[in-house]
N, C-alpha and C. Protein backbone atom coordinates (compact mmCIF):
# COMPACT_ATOMS: atom_id res chain seq x y z
N MET A 1 55.37 -3.48 -33.97
CA MET A 1 54.70 -2.80 -35.06
C MET A 1 55.35 -1.46 -35.30
N ALA A 2 55.11 -0.96 -36.41
CA ALA A 2 55.64 0.36 -36.80
C ALA A 2 55.01 0.74 -38.12
N MET A 3 55.51 1.80 -38.64
CA MET A 3 54.99 2.22 -39.93
C MET A 3 55.24 1.16 -41.01
N SER A 4 54.24 0.91 -41.78
CA SER A 4 54.38 -0.01 -42.89
C SER A 4 54.86 0.75 -44.16
N HIS A 5 55.70 0.12 -44.88
CA HIS A 5 56.25 0.80 -46.12
C HIS A 5 55.74 0.17 -47.41
N THR A 6 54.92 -0.88 -47.26
CA THR A 6 54.40 -1.55 -48.45
C THR A 6 52.90 -1.54 -48.49
N TYR A 7 52.39 -1.17 -49.68
CA TYR A 7 50.92 -1.24 -49.84
C TYR A 7 50.46 -2.61 -50.02
N GLU A 8 49.42 -3.01 -49.35
CA GLU A 8 48.82 -4.33 -49.47
C GLU A 8 48.03 -4.39 -50.78
N ASN A 9 48.33 -5.41 -51.62
CA ASN A 9 47.58 -5.54 -52.87
C ASN A 9 46.21 -6.14 -52.67
N VAL A 10 46.07 -6.97 -51.67
CA VAL A 10 44.81 -7.62 -51.38
C VAL A 10 44.20 -6.86 -50.19
N GLU A 11 43.08 -6.21 -50.46
CA GLU A 11 42.49 -5.47 -49.35
C GLU A 11 41.67 -6.38 -48.44
N PRO A 12 41.70 -6.08 -47.15
CA PRO A 12 40.87 -6.86 -46.22
C PRO A 12 39.41 -6.47 -46.40
N ALA A 13 38.50 -7.28 -45.89
CA ALA A 13 37.09 -6.95 -45.92
C ALA A 13 36.89 -5.89 -44.87
N ARG A 14 35.88 -5.00 -45.06
CA ARG A 14 35.53 -4.00 -44.11
C ARG A 14 35.31 -4.55 -42.70
N VAL A 15 34.67 -5.69 -42.61
CA VAL A 15 34.40 -6.27 -41.30
C VAL A 15 35.69 -6.64 -40.60
N GLN A 16 36.79 -6.93 -41.30
CA GLN A 16 38.04 -7.26 -40.71
C GLN A 16 38.64 -5.98 -40.08
N ILE A 17 38.52 -4.82 -40.72
CA ILE A 17 39.01 -3.56 -40.11
C ILE A 17 38.12 -3.24 -38.92
N ASP A 18 36.79 -3.36 -39.08
CA ASP A 18 35.89 -3.06 -37.97
C ASP A 18 36.13 -3.93 -36.75
N GLU A 19 36.68 -5.10 -36.92
CA GLU A 19 36.90 -6.04 -35.78
C GLU A 19 38.30 -5.89 -35.17
N LEU A 20 39.16 -5.08 -35.69
CA LEU A 20 40.52 -4.90 -35.17
C LEU A 20 40.44 -4.29 -33.79
N GLU A 21 41.25 -4.83 -32.87
CA GLU A 21 41.32 -4.28 -31.54
C GLU A 21 42.45 -3.36 -31.42
N GLY A 22 42.27 -2.28 -30.62
CA GLY A 22 43.30 -1.28 -30.37
C GLY A 22 43.39 -0.28 -31.47
N PRO A 23 44.44 0.60 -31.38
CA PRO A 23 44.62 1.65 -32.34
C PRO A 23 45.23 1.15 -33.61
N VAL A 24 44.70 1.65 -34.73
CA VAL A 24 45.19 1.28 -36.06
C VAL A 24 45.04 2.51 -36.97
N VAL A 25 46.00 2.68 -37.84
CA VAL A 25 45.88 3.71 -38.91
C VAL A 25 45.79 2.94 -40.26
N VAL A 26 44.71 3.18 -40.96
CA VAL A 26 44.56 2.64 -42.30
C VAL A 26 44.83 3.68 -43.32
N GLU A 27 45.83 3.49 -44.13
CA GLU A 27 46.24 4.47 -45.12
C GLU A 27 45.80 3.95 -46.53
N PHE A 28 45.07 4.75 -47.25
CA PHE A 28 44.65 4.45 -48.58
C PHE A 28 45.44 5.28 -49.54
N GLY A 29 45.99 4.64 -50.58
CA GLY A 29 46.77 5.40 -51.64
C GLY A 29 47.25 4.36 -52.64
N THR A 30 48.26 4.80 -53.36
CA THR A 30 48.95 3.94 -54.34
C THR A 30 50.44 4.23 -54.37
N PRO A 31 51.25 3.30 -54.80
CA PRO A 31 52.71 3.53 -54.90
C PRO A 31 53.07 4.62 -55.87
N TRP A 32 52.23 4.86 -56.89
CA TRP A 32 52.60 5.82 -57.94
C TRP A 32 51.99 7.22 -57.69
N CYS A 33 51.27 7.43 -56.63
CA CYS A 33 50.65 8.71 -56.30
C CYS A 33 51.64 9.63 -55.72
N GLY A 34 51.81 10.83 -56.38
CA GLY A 34 52.74 11.86 -55.91
C GLY A 34 52.39 12.35 -54.53
N HIS A 35 51.14 12.58 -54.23
CA HIS A 35 50.72 13.05 -52.92
C HIS A 35 50.99 12.02 -51.82
N CYS A 36 50.86 10.73 -52.19
CA CYS A 36 51.16 9.66 -51.25
C CYS A 36 52.63 9.59 -50.99
N ALA A 37 53.48 9.73 -52.00
CA ALA A 37 54.92 9.77 -51.82
C ALA A 37 55.34 10.92 -50.94
N ALA A 38 54.72 12.08 -51.14
CA ALA A 38 55.09 13.29 -50.35
C ALA A 38 54.73 13.09 -48.91
N ALA A 39 53.74 12.29 -48.61
CA ALA A 39 53.27 12.09 -47.22
C ALA A 39 54.16 11.13 -46.48
N GLN A 40 54.90 10.28 -47.14
CA GLN A 40 55.67 9.22 -46.46
C GLN A 40 56.68 9.77 -45.45
N PRO A 41 57.47 10.82 -45.77
CA PRO A 41 58.40 11.29 -44.73
C PRO A 41 57.64 11.93 -43.52
N LEU A 42 56.47 12.45 -43.75
CA LEU A 42 55.66 12.99 -42.64
C LEU A 42 55.20 11.85 -41.72
N LEU A 43 54.81 10.75 -42.40
CA LEU A 43 54.34 9.58 -41.61
C LEU A 43 55.53 8.98 -40.82
N GLU A 44 56.70 8.97 -41.41
CA GLU A 44 57.90 8.46 -40.74
C GLU A 44 58.13 9.22 -39.44
N VAL A 45 58.06 10.52 -39.53
CA VAL A 45 58.28 11.40 -38.34
C VAL A 45 57.19 11.10 -37.31
N ALA A 46 55.96 11.09 -37.73
CA ALA A 46 54.89 10.87 -36.80
C ALA A 46 54.89 9.49 -36.11
N PHE A 47 55.14 8.48 -36.93
CA PHE A 47 55.13 7.12 -36.37
C PHE A 47 56.35 6.85 -35.52
N ALA A 48 57.42 7.66 -35.58
CA ALA A 48 58.61 7.42 -34.76
C ALA A 48 58.25 7.48 -33.30
N ALA A 49 57.28 8.26 -32.91
CA ALA A 49 56.86 8.38 -31.47
C ALA A 49 55.73 7.43 -31.15
N TYR A 50 55.16 6.74 -32.18
CA TYR A 50 53.98 5.91 -31.91
C TYR A 50 54.21 4.55 -32.60
N ARG A 51 55.32 3.92 -32.19
CA ARG A 51 55.70 2.66 -32.84
C ARG A 51 54.75 1.47 -32.51
N LEU A 52 53.94 1.59 -31.50
CA LEU A 52 53.04 0.46 -31.10
C LEU A 52 51.71 0.53 -31.84
N ILE A 53 51.49 1.62 -32.56
CA ILE A 53 50.21 1.72 -33.26
C ILE A 53 50.35 1.02 -34.64
N ARG A 54 49.42 0.15 -34.93
CA ARG A 54 49.46 -0.60 -36.15
C ARG A 54 49.16 0.29 -37.36
N HIS A 55 49.84 0.12 -38.44
CA HIS A 55 49.70 0.93 -39.66
C HIS A 55 49.49 -0.09 -40.78
N ILE A 56 48.37 0.11 -41.47
CA ILE A 56 48.03 -0.78 -42.63
C ILE A 56 47.92 0.12 -43.87
N LYS A 57 48.71 -0.16 -44.87
CA LYS A 57 48.68 0.58 -46.15
C LYS A 57 47.88 -0.26 -47.14
N ILE A 58 46.80 0.34 -47.68
CA ILE A 58 45.95 -0.33 -48.62
C ILE A 58 46.06 0.34 -49.99
N GLU A 59 46.42 -0.45 -51.01
CA GLU A 59 46.41 0.13 -52.34
C GLU A 59 44.94 0.31 -52.79
N ASP A 60 44.59 1.53 -53.14
CA ASP A 60 43.21 1.87 -53.46
C ASP A 60 43.11 2.09 -54.97
N GLY A 61 41.92 2.08 -55.48
CA GLY A 61 41.66 2.35 -56.88
C GLY A 61 40.27 1.89 -57.32
N PRO A 62 40.02 1.89 -58.58
CA PRO A 62 38.75 1.48 -59.11
C PRO A 62 38.45 0.06 -58.71
N ARG A 63 37.19 -0.21 -58.40
CA ARG A 63 36.67 -1.55 -58.02
C ARG A 63 37.27 -2.04 -56.72
N ARG A 64 37.80 -1.14 -55.88
CA ARG A 64 38.30 -1.50 -54.55
C ARG A 64 37.23 -1.13 -53.55
N ARG A 65 36.66 -2.13 -52.95
CA ARG A 65 35.52 -1.89 -52.05
C ARG A 65 35.84 -1.23 -50.73
N LEU A 66 37.00 -1.56 -50.19
CA LEU A 66 37.29 -1.07 -48.83
C LEU A 66 37.39 0.47 -48.84
N GLY A 67 38.09 1.01 -49.80
CA GLY A 67 38.17 2.48 -49.90
C GLY A 67 36.80 3.12 -50.10
N ARG A 68 35.95 2.47 -50.90
CA ARG A 68 34.58 3.04 -51.11
C ARG A 68 33.78 2.96 -49.82
N SER A 69 33.98 1.88 -49.02
CA SER A 69 33.22 1.77 -47.79
C SER A 69 33.57 2.86 -46.77
N PHE A 70 34.80 3.42 -46.92
CA PHE A 70 35.21 4.51 -46.08
C PHE A 70 34.97 5.88 -46.76
N ARG A 71 34.45 5.85 -47.96
CA ARG A 71 34.17 7.07 -48.74
C ARG A 71 35.48 7.80 -49.08
N VAL A 72 36.54 7.10 -49.43
CA VAL A 72 37.79 7.67 -49.82
C VAL A 72 37.67 8.28 -51.18
N LYS A 73 38.11 9.51 -51.33
CA LYS A 73 37.97 10.17 -52.65
C LYS A 73 39.37 10.69 -53.12
N LEU A 74 40.27 11.03 -52.17
CA LEU A 74 41.55 11.57 -52.49
C LEU A 74 42.62 10.70 -51.76
N TRP A 75 43.81 10.69 -52.33
CA TRP A 75 44.93 9.94 -51.72
C TRP A 75 45.97 10.90 -51.30
N PRO A 76 46.74 10.64 -50.29
CA PRO A 76 46.40 9.57 -49.31
C PRO A 76 45.31 10.03 -48.37
N THR A 77 44.54 9.06 -47.95
CA THR A 77 43.56 9.26 -46.84
C THR A 77 43.98 8.35 -45.74
N LEU A 78 44.09 8.93 -44.56
CA LEU A 78 44.44 8.20 -43.37
C LEU A 78 43.24 8.11 -42.47
N ILE A 79 42.87 6.90 -42.14
CA ILE A 79 41.72 6.67 -41.22
C ILE A 79 42.32 6.19 -39.89
N PHE A 80 42.07 6.90 -38.81
CA PHE A 80 42.54 6.56 -37.48
C PHE A 80 41.41 5.84 -36.75
N VAL A 81 41.68 4.60 -36.40
CA VAL A 81 40.67 3.73 -35.83
C VAL A 81 41.08 3.24 -34.44
N ASN A 82 40.14 3.11 -33.55
CA ASN A 82 40.41 2.50 -32.25
C ASN A 82 39.30 1.54 -31.98
N ASN A 83 39.61 0.26 -31.76
CA ASN A 83 38.66 -0.80 -31.57
C ASN A 83 37.55 -0.80 -32.60
N GLY A 84 37.94 -0.62 -33.87
CA GLY A 84 36.98 -0.68 -34.96
C GLY A 84 36.19 0.55 -35.24
N ARG A 85 36.41 1.59 -34.47
CA ARG A 85 35.62 2.84 -34.61
C ARG A 85 36.50 3.95 -35.14
N GLU A 86 36.07 4.63 -36.17
CA GLU A 86 36.83 5.74 -36.72
C GLU A 86 36.82 6.89 -35.76
N ILE A 87 38.01 7.35 -35.42
CA ILE A 87 38.21 8.46 -34.49
C ILE A 87 38.59 9.75 -35.21
N ALA A 88 39.40 9.61 -36.24
CA ALA A 88 39.87 10.79 -36.97
C ALA A 88 40.17 10.36 -38.41
N ARG A 89 40.30 11.43 -39.26
CA ARG A 89 40.56 11.19 -40.69
C ARG A 89 41.42 12.36 -41.16
N LEU A 90 42.42 12.07 -41.96
CA LEU A 90 43.25 13.11 -42.60
C LEU A 90 43.33 12.79 -44.08
N VAL A 91 43.15 13.82 -44.91
CA VAL A 91 43.26 13.68 -46.33
C VAL A 91 44.42 14.56 -46.76
N ARG A 92 45.34 13.99 -47.44
CA ARG A 92 46.54 14.68 -47.93
C ARG A 92 47.17 15.58 -46.86
N PRO A 93 47.61 14.97 -45.77
CA PRO A 93 48.26 15.73 -44.71
C PRO A 93 49.49 16.46 -45.20
N ARG A 94 49.67 17.71 -44.72
CA ARG A 94 50.75 18.57 -45.25
C ARG A 94 51.92 18.70 -44.25
N ASN A 95 51.72 18.20 -43.00
CA ASN A 95 52.82 18.26 -42.06
C ASN A 95 52.64 17.11 -41.03
N ALA A 96 53.75 16.80 -40.38
CA ALA A 96 53.75 15.68 -39.39
C ALA A 96 52.93 16.04 -38.14
N ALA A 97 52.77 17.29 -37.83
CA ALA A 97 52.06 17.72 -36.61
C ALA A 97 50.61 17.28 -36.65
N VAL A 98 49.96 17.40 -37.77
CA VAL A 98 48.56 17.00 -37.84
C VAL A 98 48.41 15.50 -37.72
N ILE A 99 49.40 14.75 -38.21
CA ILE A 99 49.35 13.30 -38.07
C ILE A 99 49.60 12.92 -36.67
N ILE A 100 50.53 13.56 -35.96
CA ILE A 100 50.81 13.32 -34.56
C ILE A 100 49.55 13.58 -33.72
N GLU A 101 48.87 14.68 -33.99
CA GLU A 101 47.66 15.02 -33.23
C GLU A 101 46.58 13.91 -33.41
N ALA A 102 46.42 13.43 -34.61
CA ALA A 102 45.47 12.31 -34.82
C ALA A 102 45.94 11.04 -34.11
N LEU A 103 47.25 10.73 -34.13
CA LEU A 103 47.76 9.56 -33.44
C LEU A 103 47.50 9.66 -31.92
N LYS A 104 47.64 10.86 -31.38
CA LYS A 104 47.36 11.05 -29.99
C LYS A 104 45.94 10.69 -29.63
N GLN A 105 44.97 10.92 -30.53
CA GLN A 105 43.58 10.66 -30.28
C GLN A 105 43.30 9.17 -30.19
N ILE A 106 44.14 8.33 -30.83
CA ILE A 106 43.86 6.87 -30.78
C ILE A 106 44.89 6.14 -29.92
N GLY A 107 46.03 6.80 -29.66
CA GLY A 107 47.10 6.07 -28.95
C GLY A 107 47.12 6.39 -27.52
């Protein structure tokens, strides 16, 4: 596993995220979002040291239930989950260090 570079068009059900075992980062955003694009190099740096943590990129937007179930309002929003439980959350991270700190909490 490693950082995902592609947004999933079909979002999983919330129960599927809640049932995932181990550490997972769920990223909500869109391919056309400038803030999301700016975060990608930061994620690359952070995930370089945490290649075993699963990363799921979910394309968010109107009528998307998964993002609403996590109360996502801005992109990108990163939800750090371990065994189905949210441990940390970052909204529009501005540097790799904050992402690394959140990865440490779940990894």
